[in-house]
């Protein structure tokens, strides 16, 4: 983490301008540390290839610098033209891949500094932006992406767009610096964020009835519709979720959201603003590790927080109603839409759209979208839906996928389809261990063990991150692997594939090669002693901590 004091930097940045524009015009491959922090508000991260650091240092060379650009795509919806435009940028200005994130958007990796302005301008020409996809603001608003569900589903997506637009910073800095806009001589504080914006990032998700694909309990604000007779009559508001933590810092921890109560459909945005501004004014600005909304609610208590929000919104919450334990749907395979057309959900391993030797997913998608009228929707589980496909075009789509070696959902194991990993090494500066590059091999070994034990059909979520910040939401997974140091992970067990409760620490500092081996005793016990209909998370809670810890102890034959 930068040692720069971010609140003074934000206050003195002239509403997120700083010296970014001036530095862009000067020779060089990087930005100053203050500009590097402000760039995040513009959807841009400065990174380097950590695989080459040591060698370049030995050679006396500078690091291999590049930039990641994250788009802001509320609800994850793209037209075919927009998707093809980003795909084209990936080939010309990035590393030839696209990365679907758990926040339902796309990232470009490997962009050099000289191409930043041109890349962002092309996004703008295609009605897309990277503005406020990162930084201490409301990030990309996520929402279930399905193309069925009738008027309720469309209303949820419109709400996601409305919230996203409402909380977009009002500064003209992005337009000036990247798009050639006329400089604004004087610009006052942002009407919502003020001079110093929020203490930390802020995440919002909208759940679809009966489907928790957005992991609504893990968000700063979760919005759950209350539906009667196919009409949304209210929204249940959750607040205070968040999964980032820091190793060996007990004052940091993952947390699930609390229920504030219900609000009328036409008052949701003002309620969210009341929550955001409460966090703006009372969130911890001294310790960024302790600055998320979850810590404010934990420290002050839910009654205090509810009163603060109600005072700002000018009305009280309605009583919470019953909430079902909604499953996390993956939306894979063919599904008929409300209009009679079809959508096809494709499993994208760790969200990386790329051309590999055997599987050329990026080329397949490009050819499909050039030949077939269709649209794209990204999922919070790092997958992709092709929507609005006519019946007559289904064979064309399937043929192109087969030609390019793309597996269908029926050819992908359930555990692999449900798994997620963050990018981690070599580009993320926070990564302590591998994630995206390590998880596929771990899953291959795990698939063999699950099949041996007759568990290959189980609903089982596995998530891996290279550091404890939790970008792949490992703390609610049945099995979470969290990077501790190079080639060492903490194993956490007993979370819920429904996202409704956290897992617990189990083993620590486990090498990659031993991750599955150390899980085998737990999986064997589950296969032998489970009750009818019991999932792994239920089994772990029934066994209790003492028995689980005993299963994690090395077996006699493993002791040196």
Protein backbone atom coordinates (compact mmCIF):
# COMPACT_ATOMS: atom_id res chain seq x y z
CA UNK A 1 0.00 0.00 0.00
CA UNK A 2 1.27 3.47 -0.85
CA UNK A 3 2.52 5.54 2.06
CA UNK A 4 0.92 8.60 0.48
CA UNK A 5 -1.82 10.09 2.66
CA UNK A 6 -4.75 9.70 0.31
CA UNK A 7 -7.25 12.14 1.83
CA UNK A 8 -4.92 15.16 1.42
CA UNK A 9 -4.03 13.89 -2.06
CA UNK A 10 -7.69 13.66 -3.06
CA UNK A 11 -8.48 17.04 -1.51
CA UNK A 12 -5.65 18.77 -3.39
CA UNK A 13 -6.15 16.89 -6.67
CA UNK A 14 -8.54 19.44 -8.19
CA UNK A 15 -11.27 16.82 -8.30
CA UNK A 16 -9.12 13.90 -9.47
CA UNK A 17 -6.93 15.76 -11.98
CA UNK A 18 -3.66 16.06 -10.11
CA UNK A 19 -0.75 16.11 -12.55
CA UNK A 20 -1.91 13.15 -14.66
CA UNK A 21 -2.42 15.23 -17.81
CA UNK A 22 0.95 16.94 -17.51
CA UNK A 23 2.75 13.66 -16.92
CA UNK A 24 1.07 12.11 -19.95
CA UNK A 25 2.67 14.73 -22.15
CA UNK A 26 6.17 14.12 -20.73
CA UNK A 27 8.50 11.30 -21.80
CA UNK A 28 8.39 8.14 -19.71
CA UNK A 29 6.69 4.81 -19.14
CA UNK A 30 5.19 5.38 -15.68
CA UNK A 31 3.46 7.94 -13.48
CA UNK A 32 4.49 9.48 -10.18
CA UNK A 33 3.18 7.87 -7.00
CA UNK A 34 0.49 10.55 -6.44
CA UNK A 35 -0.74 10.19 -10.01
CA UNK A 36 -0.65 6.42 -9.71
CA UNK A 37 -3.17 6.69 -6.85
CA UNK A 38 -5.43 9.12 -8.70
CA UNK A 39 -5.34 6.98 -11.85
CA UNK A 40 -7.41 4.37 -10.04
CA UNK A 41 -10.38 6.74 -10.02
CA UNK A 42 -10.04 6.79 -13.81
CA UNK A 43 -10.17 2.98 -14.00
CA UNK A 44 -6.43 2.57 -14.55
CA UNK A 45 -3.84 0.66 -12.49
CA UNK A 46 -0.10 0.93 -13.00
CA UNK A 47 1.47 -2.55 -12.87
CA UNK A 48 4.59 -4.42 -13.88
CA UNK A 49 5.41 -7.98 -14.90
CA UNK A 50 6.59 -9.53 -11.65
CA UNK A 51 7.85 -12.61 -13.49
CA UNK A 52 10.60 -10.52 -15.04
CA UNK A 53 11.48 -8.29 -12.06
CA UNK A 54 14.52 -10.23 -10.83
CA UNK A 55 16.02 -10.73 -14.26
CA UNK A 56 15.56 -7.11 -15.27
CA UNK A 57 17.07 -5.99 -11.99
CA UNK A 58 20.14 -8.16 -12.64
CA UNK A 59 20.42 -6.61 -16.09
CA UNK A 60 20.14 -3.13 -14.62
CA UNK A 61 16.91 -2.54 -16.54
CA UNK A 62 13.76 -0.83 -15.34
CA UNK A 63 10.72 -2.95 -14.58
CA UNK A 64 8.45 -4.06 -17.42
CA UNK A 65 5.74 -1.47 -16.80
CA UNK A 66 2.21 -1.59 -18.18
CA UNK A 67 -1.34 -0.66 -17.18
CA UNK A 68 -4.60 -2.41 -16.47
CA UNK A 69 -7.82 -0.72 -17.61
CA UNK A 70 -11.08 -1.75 -15.96
CA UNK A 71 -14.37 -0.82 -17.62
CA UNK A 72 -17.51 0.32 -15.81
CA UNK A 73 -20.35 -1.83 -17.17
CA UNK A 74 -23.39 -1.73 -14.85
CA UNK A 75 -25.16 -5.08 -14.88
CA UNK A 76 -22.53 -6.49 -17.25
CA UNK A 77 -24.50 -5.81 -20.45
CA UNK A 78 -22.72 -5.18 -23.75
CA UNK A 79 -23.86 -4.98 -27.35
CA UNK A 80 -21.98 -7.11 -29.86
CA UNK A 81 -20.38 -3.93 -31.26
CA UNK A 82 -19.16 -2.92 -27.82
CA UNK A 83 -17.73 -6.35 -27.08
CA UNK A 84 -15.97 -6.50 -30.45
CA UNK A 85 -14.53 -3.02 -29.85
CA UNK A 86 -12.99 -4.12 -26.53
CA UNK A 87 -11.78 -7.35 -28.14
CA UNK A 88 -10.08 -5.29 -30.85
CA UNK A 89 -8.39 -3.12 -28.22
CA UNK A 90 -7.16 -6.24 -26.45
CA UNK A 91 -5.40 -7.30 -29.62
CA UNK A 92 -3.95 -3.92 -30.57
CA UNK A 93 -3.14 -2.28 -27.24
CA UNK A 94 -3.22 -5.00 -24.54
CA UNK A 95 -1.90 -8.52 -24.03
CA UNK A 96 -4.36 -10.24 -26.35
CA UNK A 97 -6.76 -11.33 -23.60
CA UNK A 98 -9.85 -10.01 -21.85
CA UNK A 99 -10.50 -10.62 -18.16
CA UNK A 100 -14.04 -10.92 -16.77
CA UNK A 101 -14.09 -9.78 -13.16
CA UNK A 102 -16.28 -10.81 -10.25
CA UNK A 103 -17.80 -7.34 -10.51
CA UNK A 104 -19.27 -8.16 -13.89
CA UNK A 105 -16.96 -6.08 -16.01
CA UNK A 106 -13.93 -6.44 -18.31
CA UNK A 107 -10.27 -5.64 -17.76
CA UNK A 108 -7.55 -5.03 -20.33
CA UNK A 109 -4.04 -5.96 -19.18
CA UNK A 110 -0.66 -4.98 -20.59
CA UNK A 111 -1.53 -1.54 -22.01
CA UNK A 112 1.52 0.71 -22.30
CA UNK A 113 1.34 4.33 -21.18
CA UNK A 114 1.45 5.78 -24.70
CA UNK A 115 -1.69 3.80 -25.60
CA UNK A 116 -3.79 4.77 -22.57
CA UNK A 117 -5.40 7.85 -24.05
CA UNK A 118 -6.17 6.19 -27.38
CA UNK A 119 -7.64 3.14 -25.68
CA UNK A 120 -9.91 5.18 -23.40
CA UNK A 121 -11.04 7.32 -26.34
CA UNK A 122 -12.02 4.24 -28.32
CA UNK A 123 -13.99 2.97 -25.35
CA UNK A 124 -15.79 6.31 -25.22
CA UNK A 125 -16.57 6.20 -28.94
CA UNK A 126 -18.29 2.90 -28.26
CA UNK A 127 -20.30 4.34 -25.36
CA UNK A 128 -18.14 2.75 -22.66
CA UNK A 129 -16.01 4.17 -19.90
CA UNK A 130 -13.43 3.22 -17.29
CA UNK A 131 -14.29 6.20 -15.10
CA UNK A 132 -14.89 5.24 -11.45
CA UNK A 133 -14.42 1.53 -12.11
CA UNK A 134 -11.80 1.77 -9.34
CA UNK A 135 -10.96 4.23 -6.57
CA UNK A 136 -12.71 5.34 -3.38
CA UNK A 137 -16.13 5.59 -4.97
CA UNK A 138 -19.13 3.41 -5.73
CA UNK A 139 -17.67 0.76 -8.02
CA UNK A 140 -19.41 -1.10 -10.86
CA UNK A 141 -22.96 -1.92 -9.78
CA UNK A 142 -23.68 -5.60 -10.34
CA UNK A 143 -26.98 -7.32 -11.06
CA UNK A 144 -28.09 -10.78 -12.16
CA UNK A 145 -27.48 -10.80 -15.94
CA UNK A 146 -30.11 -13.25 -17.24
CA UNK A 147 -32.23 -12.44 -20.28
CA UNK A 148 -35.39 -13.93 -18.81
CA UNK A 149 -37.48 -13.09 -15.76
CA UNK A 150 -39.91 -10.70 -17.39
CA UNK A 151 -40.57 -7.13 -16.23
CA UNK A 152 -39.03 -7.78 -12.80
CA UNK A 153 -35.65 -8.61 -14.32
CA UNK A 154 -35.71 -5.56 -16.59
CA UNK A 155 -36.65 -3.35 -13.64
CA UNK A 156 -33.64 -4.68 -11.70
CA UNK A 157 -31.28 -3.90 -14.53
CA UNK A 158 -32.69 -0.40 -14.96
CA UNK A 159 -32.14 0.11 -11.23
CA UNK A 160 -28.49 -0.96 -11.60
CA UNK A 161 -27.99 1.58 -14.38
CA UNK A 162 -29.76 4.31 -12.39
CA UNK A 163 -27.62 3.72 -9.29
CA UNK A 164 -24.45 3.58 -11.39
CA UNK A 165 -25.27 6.87 -13.09
CA UNK A 166 -26.28 8.54 -9.83
CA UNK A 167 -22.98 7.76 -8.12
CA UNK A 168 -20.66 8.50 -11.03
CA UNK A 169 -18.33 11.31 -9.86
CA UNK A 170 -19.34 14.65 -11.34
CA UNK A 171 -15.79 15.85 -11.95
CA UNK A 172 -14.92 16.59 -15.59
CA UNK A 173 -11.35 15.34 -15.01
CA UNK A 174 -11.78 12.10 -16.97
CA UNK A 175 -13.27 13.97 -19.93
CA UNK A 176 -10.50 16.56 -19.89
CA UNK A 177 -7.52 14.25 -19.49
CA UNK A 178 -8.47 11.35 -21.72
CA UNK A 179 -11.14 12.55 -24.15
CA UNK A 180 -9.90 16.00 -25.13
CA UNK A 181 -12.56 17.91 -23.27
CA UNK A 182 -12.24 21.63 -22.63
CA UNK A 183 -10.61 22.27 -19.23
CA UNK A 184 -12.91 23.53 -16.50
CA UNK A 185 -11.36 26.52 -14.76
CA UNK A 186 -13.02 25.96 -11.39
CA UNK A 187 -14.92 22.96 -10.17
CA UNK A 188 -16.42 22.61 -6.72
CA UNK A 189 -16.53 19.51 -4.55
CA UNK A 190 -18.50 16.53 -5.78
CA UNK A 191 -22.14 16.86 -4.60
CA UNK A 192 -22.11 13.33 -3.13
CA UNK A 193 -18.46 12.51 -2.50
CA UNK A 194 -17.20 15.93 -1.40
CA UNK A 195 -13.49 16.81 -1.64
CA UNK A 196 -12.04 13.58 -0.27
CA UNK A 197 -14.48 11.05 -1.77
CA UNK A 198 -15.09 7.89 0.29
CA UNK A 199 -12.69 6.36 2.81
CA UNK A 200 -12.47 3.22 0.64
CA UNK A 201 -14.12 1.47 -2.28
CA UNK A 202 -17.87 0.83 -2.10
CA UNK A 203 -19.66 -2.14 -3.69
CA UNK A 204 -23.35 -2.54 -4.51
CA UNK A 205 -25.22 -5.59 -5.81
CA UNK A 206 -28.82 -6.24 -6.81
CA UNK A 207 -30.11 -9.79 -6.35
CA UNK A 208 -32.66 -11.46 -8.57
CA UNK A 209 -35.49 -13.33 -6.78
CA UNK A 210 -34.36 -16.86 -5.99
CA UNK A 211 -30.86 -16.41 -7.40
CA UNK A 212 -27.87 -15.12 -5.44
CA UNK A 213 -25.34 -15.11 -8.30
CA UNK A 214 -24.23 -11.63 -7.13
CA UNK A 215 -23.22 -12.87 -3.64
CA UNK A 216 -25.46 -10.18 -2.17
CA UNK A 217 -24.41 -10.76 1.47
CA UNK A 218 -20.78 -9.88 0.71
CA UNK A 219 -21.49 -6.33 -0.54
CA UNK A 220 -21.34 -2.92 1.12
CA UNK A 221 -24.97 -2.60 0.04
CA UNK A 222 -27.16 -5.47 -1.10
CA UNK A 223 -30.57 -4.87 -2.66
CA UNK A 224 -33.11 -7.71 -2.71
CA UNK A 225 -36.50 -7.23 -4.40
CA UNK A 226 -39.69 -8.20 -2.63
CA UNK A 227 -42.02 -9.54 -5.32
CA UNK A 228 -45.75 -10.10 -5.14
CA UNK A 229 -47.84 -11.14 -8.15
CA UNK A 230 -44.85 -10.57 -10.46
CA UNK A 231 -44.45 -6.99 -9.22
CA UNK A 232 -41.70 -5.49 -7.10
CA UNK A 233 -43.50 -4.02 -4.10
CA UNK A 234 -40.42 -3.19 -2.00
CA UNK A 235 -36.69 -3.73 -1.68
CA UNK A 236 -34.92 -5.28 1.26
CA UNK A 237 -31.71 -3.35 2.00
CA UNK A 238 -28.60 -5.07 3.35
CA UNK A 239 -25.47 -3.21 4.44
CA UNK A 240 -22.01 -3.86 5.81
CA UNK A 241 -20.71 -6.84 3.88
CA UNK A 242 -17.14 -7.02 2.67
CA UNK A 243 -14.46 -9.68 2.39
CA UNK A 244 -11.06 -7.99 2.38
CA UNK A 245 -8.77 -8.50 5.35
CA UNK A 246 -5.06 -8.41 6.19
CA UNK A 247 -3.10 -11.40 7.44
CA UNK A 248 -2.09 -11.15 11.11
CA UNK A 249 -4.24 -8.04 11.64
CA UNK A 250 -7.14 -9.22 13.83
CA UNK A 251 -8.85 -5.85 13.56
CA UNK A 252 -9.53 -6.74 9.90
CA UNK A 253 -11.90 -9.53 8.92
CA UNK A 254 -14.45 -10.65 6.34
CA UNK A 255 -18.05 -9.86 7.24
CA UNK A 256 -21.50 -10.53 5.84
CA UNK A 257 -24.08 -7.77 5.55
CA UNK A 258 -26.80 -6.95 8.07
CA UNK A 259 -30.44 -6.34 7.22
CA UNK A 260 -31.57 -2.72 7.56
CA UNK A 261 -35.18 -3.18 6.48
CA UNK A 262 -37.47 -2.54 3.52
CA UNK A 263 -38.00 0.57 1.40
CA UNK A 264 -40.45 1.45 -1.35
CA UNK A 265 -39.22 0.87 -4.93
CA UNK A 266 -39.11 4.60 -5.71
CA UNK A 267 -36.91 5.39 -2.68
CA UNK A 268 -34.04 2.95 -3.19
CA UNK A 269 -31.58 5.46 -4.66
CA UNK A 270 -32.06 7.96 -1.85
CA UNK A 271 -31.59 5.16 0.69
CA UNK A 272 -28.35 4.08 -0.97
CA UNK A 273 -27.19 7.70 -0.99
CA UNK A 274 -27.94 7.97 2.73
CA UNK A 275 -25.81 4.88 3.35
CA UNK A 276 -22.98 6.15 1.14
CA UNK A 277 -22.89 9.57 2.79
CA UNK A 278 -22.99 8.04 6.27
CA UNK A 279 -19.90 6.06 5.33
CA UNK A 280 -18.37 9.19 3.78
CA UNK A 281 -18.78 11.18 6.99
CA UNK A 282 -18.12 8.50 9.62
CA UNK A 283 -15.90 5.87 7.96
CA UNK A 284 -12.34 5.44 9.23
CA UNK A 285 -10.00 7.80 7.37
CA UNK A 286 -6.95 7.11 9.53
CA UNK A 287 -6.45 3.42 8.76
CA UNK A 288 -7.31 2.26 5.24
CA UNK A 289 -7.25 -1.35 6.38
CA UNK A 290 -10.16 -0.45 8.66
CA UNK A 291 -11.98 1.93 6.34
CA UNK A 292 -14.72 -0.15 4.74
CA UNK A 293 -18.38 0.25 5.71
CA UNK A 294 -18.37 -3.15 7.45
CA UNK A 295 -16.05 -1.81 10.15
CA UNK A 296 -18.20 1.27 10.75
CA UNK A 297 -21.25 -0.92 11.35
CA UNK A 298 -19.28 -3.41 13.41
CA UNK A 299 -17.77 -0.68 15.62
CA UNK A 300 -20.83 1.57 16.04
CA UNK A 301 -23.51 -1.11 15.94
CA UNK A 302 -26.42 -1.65 13.58
CA UNK A 303 -28.98 0.40 15.60
CA UNK A 304 -26.70 3.46 15.49
CA UNK A 305 -26.09 3.01 11.78
CA UNK A 306 -29.79 2.53 10.99
CA UNK A 307 -30.64 5.77 12.84
CA UNK A 308 -28.00 7.68 10.89
CA UNK A 309 -29.33 6.44 7.56
CA UNK A 310 -32.96 7.09 8.50
CA UNK A 311 -32.14 10.67 9.51
CA UNK A 312 -30.50 11.31 6.15
CA UNK A 313 -33.18 9.66 4.02
CA UNK A 314 -36.02 11.23 6.00
CA UNK A 315 -38.07 8.09 6.65
CA UNK A 316 -37.77 4.88 8.63
CA UNK A 317 -37.19 1.42 7.23
CA UNK A 318 -40.02 -1.04 7.01
CA UNK A 319 -39.64 -4.28 8.94
CA UNK A 320 -37.47 -6.92 7.24
CA UNK A 321 -39.45 -9.76 5.73
CA UNK A 322 -38.48 -13.42 5.25
CA UNK A 323 -35.52 -13.95 2.91
CA UNK A 324 -35.10 -17.27 1.15
CA UNK A 325 -31.73 -19.04 0.99
CA UNK A 326 -31.25 -18.42 -2.71
CA UNK A 327 -28.79 -20.56 -4.63
CA UNK A 328 -25.94 -19.10 -6.64
CA UNK A 329 -26.97 -19.88 -10.20
CA UNK A 330 -24.26 -20.06 -12.87
CA UNK A 331 -26.61 -19.56 -15.85
CA UNK A 332 -24.68 -21.99 -18.06
CA UNK A 333 -26.03 -23.74 -21.14
CA UNK A 334 -28.99 -22.85 -23.34
CA UNK A 335 -31.95 -20.95 -21.86
CA UNK A 336 -35.02 -19.66 -23.66
CA UNK A 337 -35.58 -15.93 -23.19
CA UNK A 338 -38.89 -14.20 -22.58
CA UNK A 339 -39.01 -13.07 -26.23
CA UNK A 340 -38.58 -16.64 -27.55
CA UNK A 341 -34.94 -16.22 -28.50
CA UNK A 342 -32.10 -18.02 -26.72
CA UNK A 343 -29.17 -17.25 -24.47
CA UNK A 344 -26.11 -19.46 -24.04
CA UNK A 345 -24.04 -19.37 -20.88
CA UNK A 346 -20.37 -20.26 -21.35
CA UNK A 347 -18.06 -21.21 -18.49
CA UNK A 348 -14.92 -19.07 -18.73
CA UNK A 349 -12.17 -20.51 -16.54
CA UNK A 350 -11.13 -17.81 -14.08
CA UNK A 351 -12.73 -15.23 -16.37
CA UNK A 352 -9.83 -15.19 -18.84
CA UNK A 353 -11.01 -14.86 -22.45
CA UNK A 354 -7.98 -15.96 -24.44
CA UNK A 355 -6.78 -18.16 -27.26
CA UNK A 356 -4.86 -21.12 -25.92
CA UNK A 357 -3.49 -24.08 -27.87
CA UNK A 358 -6.50 -26.33 -27.42
CA UNK A 359 -9.18 -23.76 -26.63
CA UNK A 360 -9.50 -20.56 -28.66
CA UNK A 361 -12.35 -18.89 -26.81
CA UNK A 362 -11.49 -15.34 -27.84
CA UNK A 363 -11.53 -16.21 -31.56
CA UNK A 364 -14.73 -18.22 -31.15
CA UNK A 365 -16.57 -15.31 -29.55
CA UNK A 366 -15.28 -12.89 -32.15
CA UNK A 367 -16.49 -15.07 -35.03
CA UNK A 368 -19.86 -15.75 -33.41
CA UNK A 369 -20.55 -12.07 -32.79
CA UNK A 370 -19.55 -11.16 -36.34
CA UNK A 371 -21.81 -13.79 -37.91
CA UNK A 372 -24.79 -14.02 -35.54
CA UNK A 373 -26.97 -11.17 -34.22
CA UNK A 374 -26.38 -11.49 -30.49
CA UNK A 375 -25.40 -9.54 -27.39
CA UNK A 376 -23.13 -10.23 -24.42
CA UNK A 377 -23.75 -10.28 -20.69
CA UNK A 378 -21.01 -10.83 -18.12
CA UNK A 379 -21.73 -12.68 -14.89
CA UNK A 380 -20.48 -12.08 -11.32
CA UNK A 381 -19.11 -15.63 -11.44
CA UNK A 382 -16.63 -14.62 -14.21
CA UNK A 383 -18.63 -16.28 -16.98
CA UNK A 384 -20.31 -14.97 -20.12
CA UNK A 385 -23.77 -15.17 -21.69
CA UNK A 386 -24.43 -14.84 -25.39
CA UNK A 387 -28.01 -13.53 -25.60
CA UNK A 388 -30.70 -12.71 -28.18
CA UNK A 389 -29.81 -15.69 -30.38
CA UNK A 390 -32.43 -16.77 -32.92
CA UNK A 391 -33.41 -20.43 -33.05
CA UNK A 392 -31.99 -20.69 -36.58
CA UNK A 393 -28.55 -19.56 -35.37
CA UNK A 394 -28.09 -22.07 -32.54
CA UNK A 395 -26.36 -24.63 -34.78
CA UNK A 396 -23.99 -21.96 -36.11
CA UNK A 397 -23.02 -20.94 -32.57
CA UNK A 398 -22.46 -24.51 -31.44
CA UNK A 399 -20.45 -25.35 -34.56
CA UNK A 400 -18.12 -22.39 -34.06
CA UNK A 401 -17.57 -23.33 -30.43
CA UNK A 402 -16.70 -26.91 -31.35
CA UNK A 403 -14.39 -25.75 -34.14
CA UNK A 404 -12.47 -23.60 -31.66
CA UNK A 405 -12.29 -26.28 -28.96
CA UNK A 406 -14.59 -24.50 -26.51
CA UNK A 407 -16.18 -26.87 -24.03
CA UNK A 408 -19.89 -26.67 -23.28
CA UNK A 409 -21.22 -26.61 -19.73
CA UNK A 410 -22.01 -30.34 -19.95
CA UNK A 411 -18.32 -31.02 -20.62
CA UNK A 412 -17.13 -28.99 -17.61
CA UNK A 413 -17.17 -30.50 -14.13
CA UNK A 414 -19.40 -28.82 -11.59
CA UNK A 415 -16.52 -27.98 -9.26
CA UNK A 416 -14.57 -26.35 -12.11
CA UNK A 417 -17.58 -24.42 -13.33
CA UNK A 418 -18.18 -23.01 -9.84
CA UNK A 419 -14.51 -22.19 -9.14
CA UNK A 420 -13.07 -18.68 -9.27
CA UNK A 421 -9.64 -17.09 -8.95
CA UNK A 422 -8.29 -13.56 -9.04
CA UNK A 423 -5.53 -12.60 -11.55
CA UNK A 424 -2.80 -12.43 -8.84
CA UNK A 425 0.69 -12.96 -10.26
CA UNK A 426 2.31 -11.73 -12.40
CA UNK A 427 0.46 -8.41 -12.71
CA UNK A 428 -1.17 -7.64 -9.36
CA UNK A 429 1.15 -5.73 -7.08
CA UNK A 430 -0.61 -7.04 -3.96
CA UNK A 431 -0.37 -10.75 -4.78
CA UNK A 432 1.57 -12.92 -2.34
CA UNK A 433 0.98 -16.14 -4.28
CA UNK A 434 -0.45 -17.47 -7.53
CA UNK A 435 -4.19 -17.78 -8.13
CA UNK A 436 -5.41 -17.74 -11.75
CA UNK A 437 -2.37 -19.65 -13.02
CA UNK A 438 -2.38 -22.18 -10.17
CA UNK A 439 -6.04 -23.04 -9.73
CA UNK A 440 -6.62 -25.07 -12.96
CA UNK A 441 -4.04 -27.72 -11.98
CA UNK A 442 -5.36 -27.82 -8.41
CA UNK A 443 -8.86 -28.40 -9.77
CA UNK A 444 -7.66 -31.22 -12.03
CA UNK A 445 -6.29 -33.03 -8.99
CA UNK A 446 -9.41 -32.23 -6.97
CA UNK A 447 -11.67 -33.55 -9.74
CA UNK A 448 -9.89 -36.92 -9.55
CA UNK A 449 -10.40 -37.15 -5.79
CA UNK A 450 -14.04 -36.12 -5.98
CA UNK A 451 -14.71 -38.74 -8.63
CA UNK A 452 -12.92 -41.42 -6.55
CA UNK A 453 -15.13 -40.56 -3.57
CA UNK A 454 -18.35 -40.33 -5.55
CA UNK A 455 -18.61 -36.60 -4.89
CA UNK A 456 -18.15 -35.32 -8.43
CA UNK A 457 -21.79 -34.25 -8.66
CA UNK A 458 -21.70 -32.17 -5.46
CA UNK A 459 -22.41 -28.44 -5.31
CA UNK A 460 -18.95 -27.37 -4.16
CA UNK A 461 -17.46 -23.89 -4.50
CA UNK A 462 -13.68 -23.48 -4.59
CA UNK A 463 -12.11 -20.03 -4.76
CA UNK A 464 -8.47 -18.98 -4.77
CA UNK A 465 -6.89 -15.56 -4.25
CA UNK A 466 -3.27 -14.50 -4.27
CA UNK A 467 -3.70 -12.27 -1.21
CA UNK A 468 -6.21 -11.74 1.61
CA UNK A 469 -8.08 -8.89 -0.12
CA UNK A 470 -10.57 -11.46 -1.35
CA UNK A 471 -11.28 -10.33 -4.92
CA UNK A 472 -12.60 -13.80 -5.85
CA UNK A 473 -14.73 -13.88 -2.68
CA UNK A 474 -12.91 -16.87 -1.09
CA UNK A 475 -14.32 -16.31 2.40
CA UNK A 476 -17.82 -17.55 1.50
CA UNK A 477 -16.64 -20.56 -0.52
CA UNK A 478 -16.95 -24.15 0.64
CA UNK A 479 -13.17 -24.24 0.19
CA UNK A 480 -11.10 -21.07 0.06
CA UNK A 481 -7.39 -20.89 -0.77
CA UNK A 482 -5.91 -17.54 0.29
CA UNK A 483 -2.33 -16.63 -0.61
CA UNK A 484 -0.03 -16.24 2.41
CA UNK A 485 3.40 -16.09 0.77
CA UNK A 486 5.05 -17.43 -2.37
CA UNK A 487 3.60 -20.93 -2.93
CA UNK A 488 1.89 -20.98 0.46
CA UNK A 489 -1.85 -20.71 1.21
CA UNK A 490 -4.29 -20.60 4.06
CA UNK A 491 -7.07 -23.16 3.57
CA UNK A 492 -10.51 -22.10 4.79
CA UNK A 493 -13.47 -24.49 4.89
CA UNK A 494 -17.19 -24.53 5.59
CA UNK A 495 -18.46 -21.51 3.72
CA UNK A 496 -21.67 -21.69 1.74
CA UNK A 497 -22.12 -22.06 -1.99
CA UNK A 498 -25.23 -19.94 -1.38
CA UNK A 499 -23.06 -17.12 -0.02
CA UNK A 500 -24.99 -17.01 3.26
CA UNK A 501 -22.22 -17.72 5.77
CA UNK A 502 -18.46 -17.38 6.04
CA UNK A 503 -15.94 -20.19 6.09
CA UNK A 504 -13.36 -20.60 8.86
CA UNK A 505 -9.55 -20.81 8.93
CA UNK A 506 -8.46 -24.46 8.89
CA UNK A 507 -4.85 -24.94 7.75
CA UNK A 508 -2.09 -22.42 7.14
CA UNK A 509 1.00 -22.09 4.96
CA UNK A 510 0.14 -25.09 2.80
CA UNK A 511 2.23 -25.46 -0.40
CA UNK A 512 0.36 -25.60 -3.69
CA UNK A 513 1.33 -29.24 -4.28
CA UNK A 514 -0.28 -30.24 -0.96
CA UNK A 515 -3.56 -28.33 -1.17
CA UNK A 516 -5.67 -31.23 -2.41
CA UNK A 517 -3.75 -33.84 -0.37
CA UNK A 518 -4.55 -31.96 2.83
CA UNK A 519 -8.23 -31.76 1.85
CA UNK A 520 -8.60 -35.50 1.26
CA UNK A 521 -9.29 -36.48 4.92
CA UNK A 522 -12.10 -33.94 5.08
CA UNK A 523 -13.57 -35.10 1.76
CA UNK A 524 -13.31 -38.76 2.80
CA UNK A 525 -15.08 -38.02 6.08
CA UNK A 526 -17.78 -36.10 4.20
CA UNK A 527 -18.32 -38.95 1.74
CA UNK A 528 -18.52 -41.56 4.53
CA UNK A 529 -20.44 -39.69 7.25
CA UNK A 530 -22.68 -37.16 5.56
CA UNK A 531 -26.40 -37.19 6.21
CA UNK A 532 -29.03 -37.29 3.47
CA UNK A 533 -29.05 -34.06 1.48
CA UNK A 534 -26.19 -32.60 3.49
CA UNK A 535 -23.71 -30.34 1.71
CA UNK A 536 -20.10 -29.84 2.73
CA UNK A 537 -20.86 -26.57 4.54
CA UNK A 538 -23.66 -28.22 6.54
CA UNK A 539 -21.39 -31.16 7.34
CA UNK A 540 -18.62 -28.86 8.60
CA UNK A 541 -20.98 -27.00 10.91
CA UNK A 542 -22.42 -30.26 12.26
CA UNK A 543 -18.98 -31.70 12.99
CA UNK A 544 -17.77 -28.60 14.81
CA UNK A 545 -14.36 -27.00 15.11
CA UNK A 546 -12.66 -29.66 17.22
CA UNK A 547 -13.47 -32.51 14.85
CA UNK A 548 -12.57 -30.43 11.82
CA UNK A 549 -9.22 -29.49 13.30
CA UNK A 550 -8.54 -33.16 13.95
CA UNK A 551 -9.19 -33.92 10.27
CA UNK A 552 -6.60 -31.31 9.36
CA UNK A 553 -3.86 -32.92 11.43
CA UNK A 554 -1.13 -34.76 9.50
CA UNK A 555 -1.72 -38.50 9.28
CA UNK A 556 0.76 -40.84 10.93
CA UNK A 557 2.35 -41.82 7.63
CA UNK A 558 2.85 -38.13 6.79
CA UNK A 559 4.87 -37.38 9.95
CA UNK A 560 8.62 -37.30 9.18
